[in-house]
Amino acid sequence: MSTHPFDLPPSPWVQQWASWIRPGGAVLDVACGSGRHSRLLARMGFEVDAVDRDTALFEDPPPRVALLGADIEAGPWPYGGRLFDGVVVTHYLHRPLLPVLAASLERGGVLIYETFARGNERFGKPSNPEFLLAPGELLEAVRGRLRVIAYEDLTVEQPRPAALQRLVARRE
């Protein structure tokens, strides 16, 4: 089985917590890649906005998914003023975006975040500290903005060995 991030099934973390998002709500899939989470969320009945710098990886977006090509690191935030019932981010880290994502949630909106943490360098890429969360960094990023529902800082073996931080938080 291939372990390229774009070939992976939806994250078990996202699958576990997606039901906390308001049924039928608007969800933003940030750095959506090939669309594994956008497709899952659309099947669950959500209206999904999917954004990535390279939309070529996301072939044939299904109904309920609006795909946008945008450089969210260098360009303006394409969803200015828009609020979502859920924001999903996996395998992506751009620290200046963390407060923007928290501010993009409706009251009751849920942030589901999972990405690589320090320690991942022993498993391969990413290994650059710029792309690895420091211990507790996700918690600090939402402190005073969102209420944390679940948090993990751990090493997993599947679908491939990795050091991860995972967070689910709600805007009160």
Protein backbone atom coordinates (compact mmCIF):
# COMPACT_ATOMS: atom_id res chain seq x y z
CA MET A 1 0.00 0.00 0.00
CA SER A 2 1.29 3.47 -0.86
CA THR A 3 1.85 5.83 2.05
CA HIS A 4 2.03 9.08 0.11
CA PRO A 5 -0.21 11.56 2.02
CA PHE A 6 -2.44 12.00 -1.03
CA ASP A 7 -3.14 8.27 -1.23
CA LEU A 8 -4.25 7.90 2.38
CA PRO A 9 -7.81 7.24 3.53
CA PRO A 10 -9.45 9.94 5.65
CA SER A 11 -7.79 10.50 9.00
CA PRO A 12 -9.38 8.50 11.84
CA TRP A 13 -9.13 11.71 13.94
CA VAL A 14 -11.26 13.62 11.42
CA GLN A 15 -13.68 10.70 11.12
CA GLN A 16 -14.01 10.51 14.90
CA TRP A 17 -14.79 14.19 15.43
CA ALA A 18 -16.59 15.33 12.24
CA SER A 19 -19.97 14.50 13.78
CA TRP A 20 -19.39 17.37 16.25
CA ILE A 21 -19.85 19.82 13.37
CA ARG A 22 -23.40 21.17 12.95
CA PRO A 23 -25.28 18.74 10.65
CA GLY A 24 -25.45 20.07 7.10
CA GLY A 25 -23.13 22.93 8.04
CA ALA A 26 -20.48 24.73 6.04
CA VAL A 27 -17.00 23.22 6.42
CA LEU A 28 -13.65 24.48 5.20
CA ASP A 29 -11.02 21.87 4.26
CA VAL A 30 -7.69 23.73 4.39
CA ALA A 31 -4.80 22.51 2.22
CA CYS A 32 -7.19 19.84 0.93
CA GLY A 33 -4.68 18.00 -1.26
CA SER A 34 -6.45 15.22 -3.14
CA GLY A 35 -9.69 15.84 -1.26
CA ARG A 36 -9.81 12.83 1.06
CA HIS A 37 -11.49 14.85 3.81
CA SER A 38 -13.62 16.97 1.49
CA ARG A 39 -15.11 13.81 0.02
CA LEU A 40 -15.77 12.34 3.47
CA LEU A 41 -17.42 15.54 4.69
CA ALA A 42 -19.57 15.85 1.56
CA ARG A 43 -20.76 12.24 2.03
CA MET A 44 -21.70 13.20 5.59
CA GLY A 45 -23.95 15.95 4.21
CA PHE A 46 -21.79 19.02 4.79
CA GLU A 47 -21.35 21.87 2.30
CA VAL A 48 -17.58 21.88 1.80
CA ASP A 49 -15.22 24.59 0.65
CA ALA A 50 -11.87 23.02 -0.21
CA VAL A 51 -8.79 25.15 -0.74
CA ASP A 52 -5.28 24.27 -1.86
CA ARG A 53 -2.49 25.94 -3.76
CA ASP A 54 -2.43 23.01 -6.22
CA THR A 55 -5.95 21.88 -7.12
CA ALA A 56 -4.66 19.45 -9.76
CA LEU A 57 -4.36 16.78 -7.06
CA PHE A 58 -8.10 16.95 -6.38
CA GLU A 59 -9.70 15.24 -9.37
CA ASP A 60 -13.46 15.49 -9.98
CA PRO A 61 -14.73 17.22 -6.83
CA PRO A 62 -18.11 15.72 -5.90
CA PRO A 63 -21.33 17.69 -5.48
CA ARG A 64 -21.35 19.71 -2.24
CA VAL A 65 -17.64 20.54 -2.67
CA ALA A 66 -16.48 23.94 -3.96
CA LEU A 67 -12.79 23.70 -4.85
CA LEU A 68 -10.65 26.85 -4.82
CA GLY A 69 -7.05 27.22 -5.92
CA ALA A 70 -5.35 29.83 -3.74
CA ASP A 71 -1.97 30.40 -2.14
CA ILE A 72 -3.12 30.93 1.45
CA GLU A 73 0.44 31.56 2.62
CA ALA A 74 1.43 34.31 0.19
CA GLY A 75 -1.92 35.67 -1.00
CA PRO A 76 -4.84 37.23 0.84
CA TRP A 77 -7.13 34.97 2.89
CA PRO A 78 -9.77 34.04 0.29
CA TYR A 79 -12.55 33.62 2.86
CA GLY A 80 -12.39 37.05 4.50
CA GLY A 81 -15.56 37.70 6.49
CA ARG A 82 -16.87 34.18 5.93
CA LEU A 83 -17.63 31.93 8.91
CA PHE A 84 -17.77 28.13 8.95
CA ASP A 85 -19.38 25.52 11.15
CA GLY A 86 -16.21 23.46 10.87
CA VAL A 87 -12.62 23.84 9.77
CA VAL A 88 -10.52 20.74 9.03
CA VAL A 89 -6.74 20.80 8.65
CA THR A 90 -4.45 17.77 8.34
CA HIS A 91 -0.78 17.42 7.42
CA TYR A 92 -0.39 21.18 7.03
CA LEU A 93 1.13 23.93 9.15
CA HIS A 94 1.40 27.63 8.44
CA ARG A 95 1.57 29.26 11.86
CA PRO A 96 0.31 32.74 10.84
CA LEU A 97 -2.91 31.07 9.69
CA LEU A 98 -3.78 29.56 13.09
CA PRO A 99 -5.55 32.68 14.48
CA VAL A 100 -7.30 33.20 11.13
CA LEU A 101 -8.72 29.67 11.27
CA ALA A 102 -9.98 30.15 14.83
CA ALA A 103 -11.60 33.46 13.82
CA SER A 104 -13.25 31.76 10.82
CA LEU A 105 -15.54 29.65 13.01
CA GLU A 106 -19.18 30.41 13.72
CA ARG A 107 -20.30 30.28 17.35
CA GLY A 108 -20.39 26.58 18.08
CA GLY A 109 -18.05 25.91 15.15
CA VAL A 110 -15.45 23.16 15.47
CA LEU A 111 -11.78 23.14 14.49
CA ILE A 112 -10.38 19.67 13.76
CA TYR A 113 -6.62 19.84 13.36
CA GLU A 114 -3.97 17.14 12.95
CA THR A 115 -0.40 17.66 11.84
CA PHE A 116 3.18 16.68 12.44
CA ALA A 117 5.03 17.43 15.66
CA ARG A 118 8.61 17.52 16.84
CA GLY A 119 9.94 14.01 16.92
CA ASN A 120 8.66 13.29 13.42
CA GLU A 121 12.17 13.85 12.06
CA ARG A 122 13.09 10.35 13.27
CA PHE A 123 10.47 8.90 10.86
CA GLY A 124 11.34 10.97 7.79
CA LYS A 125 9.61 13.98 6.30
CA PRO A 126 8.60 16.48 7.33
CA SER A 127 11.73 16.94 9.40
CA ASN A 128 12.24 20.70 9.14
CA PRO A 129 11.30 22.32 12.50
CA GLU A 130 9.38 25.01 10.58
CA PHE A 131 6.84 22.30 9.70
CA LEU A 132 6.76 20.53 13.07
CA LEU A 133 4.70 21.68 16.05
CA ALA A 134 6.48 22.30 19.33
CA PRO A 135 5.07 20.53 22.40
CA GLY A 136 1.71 22.08 23.27
CA GLU A 137 1.84 24.51 20.34
CA LEU A 138 -1.67 23.73 19.08
CA LEU A 139 -3.06 24.25 22.57
CA GLU A 140 -1.34 27.63 22.80
CA ALA A 141 -2.61 28.62 19.35
CA VAL A 142 -6.25 28.36 20.44
CA ARG A 143 -5.87 29.50 24.07
CA GLY A 144 -8.34 32.29 24.77
CA ARG A 145 -10.00 31.79 21.37
CA LEU A 146 -11.55 28.31 21.45
CA ARG A 147 -12.54 25.72 24.06
CA VAL A 148 -10.46 22.56 23.70
CA ILE A 149 -12.54 19.39 23.49
CA ALA A 150 -9.74 16.92 22.75
CA TYR A 151 -5.97 17.06 22.35
CA GLU A 152 -3.29 14.48 21.70
CA ASP A 153 0.48 14.70 21.30
CA LEU A 154 1.58 11.21 20.33
CA THR A 155 3.39 8.84 18.01
CA VAL A 156 1.31 6.64 15.72
CA GLU A 157 2.29 3.58 13.70
CA GLN A 158 -0.55 3.68 11.13
CA PRO A 159 -1.00 4.57 8.33
CA ARG A 160 2.74 5.25 8.70
CA PRO A 161 4.91 6.03 11.73
CA ALA A 162 4.63 9.72 12.64
CA ALA A 163 4.76 12.14 15.56
CA LEU A 164 1.50 14.11 15.60
CA GLN A 165 -0.47 16.69 17.48
CA ARG A 166 -4.23 16.54 17.19
CA LEU A 167 -6.77 19.04 18.43
CA VAL A 168 -10.52 19.49 18.43
CA ALA A 169 -11.75 22.84 19.71
CA ARG A 170 -15.04 24.74 19.63
CA ARG A 171 -15.79 28.44 19.39
CA GLU A 172 -18.07 29.31 22.30
